[in-house]
Amino acid sequence: MEKEQLLKDLKEIGTSFHLYRKMSSDSAEQKTIQSAKELEQENVIRLEVCKVTKLDFSPVVEIKGQFI
């Protein structure tokens, strides 16, 4: 489910994307990162950045890349 939702969200942004997602838990962060990496392995997207970072002192998942 997470992977399909992430793909939908990225498609809404466009061919290149840079987004920050606030997560409610560490497991949600890891699922989002795992989903993004799976999409990359399936040659759907190319990732430049995929990591947990801080935004306004809160942890968020940063995903930057483009569709192949």
C-alpha atoms as a PDB file:
ATOM      1  CA  MET A   1       0.000   0.000   0.000  1.00  0.00           C
ATOM      2  CA  GLU A   2       2.711   2.466   0.938  1.00  0.00           C
ATOM      3  CA  LYS A   3       4.514   2.007  -2.375  1.00  0.00           C
ATOM      4  CA  GLU A   4       1.367   2.626  -4.447  1.00  0.00           C
ATOM      5  CA  GLN A   5       0.519   5.740  -2.433  1.00  0.00           C
ATOM      6  CA  LEU A   6       4.066   7.063  -2.746  1.00  0.00           C
ATOM      7  CA  LEU A   7       4.007   6.484  -6.515  1.00  0.00           C
ATOM      8  CA  LYS A   8       0.675   8.317  -6.789  1.00  0.00           C
ATOM      9  CA  ASP A   9       1.999  11.259  -4.754  1.00  0.00           C
ATOM     10  CA  LEU A  10       5.156  11.486  -6.857  1.00  0.00           C
ATOM     11  CA  LYS A  11       3.194  11.388 -10.123  1.00  0.00           C
ATOM     12  CA  GLU A  12       1.089  14.319  -8.911  1.00  0.00           C
ATOM     13  CA  ILE A  13       4.249  16.403  -8.494  1.00  0.00           C
ATOM     14  CA  GLY A  14       5.573  15.741 -12.009  1.00  0.00           C
ATOM     15  CA  THR A  15       8.520  14.156 -13.797  1.00  0.00           C
ATOM     16  CA  SER A  16      10.993  15.573 -11.263  1.00  0.00           C
ATOM     17  CA  PHE A  17      10.143  15.645  -7.590  1.00  0.00           C
ATOM     18  CA  HIS A  18      11.461  16.845  -4.235  1.00  0.00           C
ATOM     19  CA  LEU A  19       9.251  16.235  -1.262  1.00  0.00           C
ATOM     20  CA  TYR A  20       9.368  16.056   2.498  1.00  0.00           C
ATOM     21  CA  ARG A  21       7.044  13.669   4.323  1.00  0.00           C
ATOM     22  CA  LYS A  22       6.383  13.943   8.022  1.00  0.00           C
ATOM     23  CA  MET A  23       6.046  10.498   9.549  1.00  0.00           C
ATOM     24  CA  SER A  24       4.318   9.450  12.735  1.00  0.00           C
ATOM     25  CA  SER A  25       6.849   6.750  13.631  1.00  0.00           C
ATOM     26  CA  ASP A  26      10.256   5.312  12.821  1.00  0.00           C
ATOM     27  CA  SER A  27       8.628   2.306  11.162  1.00  0.00           C
ATOM     28  CA  ALA A  28       6.620   4.598   8.869  1.00  0.00           C
ATOM     29  CA  GLU A  29       9.841   6.401   7.911  1.00  0.00           C
ATOM     30  CA  GLN A  30      11.528   3.107   7.085  1.00  0.00           C
ATOM     31  CA  LYS A  31       8.533   1.899   5.044  1.00  0.00           C
ATOM     32  CA  THR A  32       8.563   5.095   2.980  1.00  0.00           C
ATOM     33  CA  ILE A  33      12.306   4.823   2.343  1.00  0.00           C
ATOM     34  CA  GLN A  34      11.946   1.133   1.486  1.00  0.00           C
ATOM     35  CA  SER A  35       9.097   1.908  -0.934  1.00  0.00           C
ATOM     36  CA  ALA A  36      11.121   4.592  -2.687  1.00  0.00           C
ATOM     37  CA  LYS A  37      14.095   2.257  -3.034  1.00  0.00           C
ATOM     38  CA  GLU A  38      11.844  -0.498  -4.402  1.00  0.00           C
ATOM     39  CA  LEU A  39      10.511   1.907  -7.042  1.00  0.00           C
ATOM     40  CA  GLU A  40      14.111   2.706  -7.956  1.00  0.00           C
ATOM     41  CA  GLN A  41      15.014  -0.998  -8.214  1.00  0.00           C
ATOM     42  CA  GLU A  42      11.997  -1.495 -10.496  1.00  0.00           C
ATOM     43  CA  ASN A  43      13.379   1.277 -12.769  1.00  0.00           C
ATOM     44  CA  VAL A  44      10.353   3.501 -12.184  1.00  0.00           C
ATOM     45  CA  ILE A  45      12.262   6.382 -10.572  1.00  0.00           C
ATOM     46  CA  ARG A  46      15.864   7.519 -10.136  1.00  0.00           C
ATOM     47  CA  LEU A  47      16.647   8.762  -6.628  1.00  0.00           C
ATOM     48  CA  GLU A  48      19.084  11.555  -5.854  1.00  0.00           C
ATOM     49  CA  VAL A  49      18.135  11.813  -2.159  1.00  0.00           C
ATOM     50  CA  CYS A  50      16.240   9.371   0.044  1.00  0.00           C
ATOM     51  CA  LYS A  51      16.857   9.866   3.744  1.00  0.00           C
ATOM     52  CA  VAL A  52      15.521  10.955   7.102  1.00  0.00           C
ATOM     53  CA  THR A  53      16.384  14.572   7.833  1.00  0.00           C
ATOM     54  CA  LYS A  54      15.216  17.379  10.127  1.00  0.00           C
ATOM     55  CA  LEU A  55      12.797  20.088   9.067  1.00  0.00           C
ATOM     56  CA  ASP A  56      11.823  22.621  11.724  1.00  0.00           C
ATOM     57  CA  PHE A  57      13.385  20.319  14.330  1.00  0.00           C
ATOM     58  CA  SER A  58      11.105  17.416  13.336  1.00  0.00           C
ATOM     59  CA  PRO A  59      12.242  14.268  11.532  1.00  0.00           C
ATOM     60  CA  VAL A  60      10.940  13.962   7.976  1.00  0.00           C
ATOM     61  CA  VAL A  61      11.681  11.707   5.010  1.00  0.00           C
ATOM     62  CA  GLU A  62      13.267  13.654   2.147  1.00  0.00           C
ATOM     63  CA  ILE A  63      12.840  12.166  -1.324  1.00  0.00           C
ATOM     64  CA  LYS A  64      14.296  13.820  -4.415  1.00  0.00           C
ATOM     65  CA  GLY A  65      14.577  12.377  -7.893  1.00  0.00           C
ATOM     66  CA  GLN A  66      12.893  11.904 -11.227  1.00  0.00           C
ATOM     67  CA  PHE A  67      10.877   9.409 -13.213  1.00  0.00           C
ATOM     68  CA  ILE A  68      12.757   7.268 -15.726  1.00  0.00           C
END
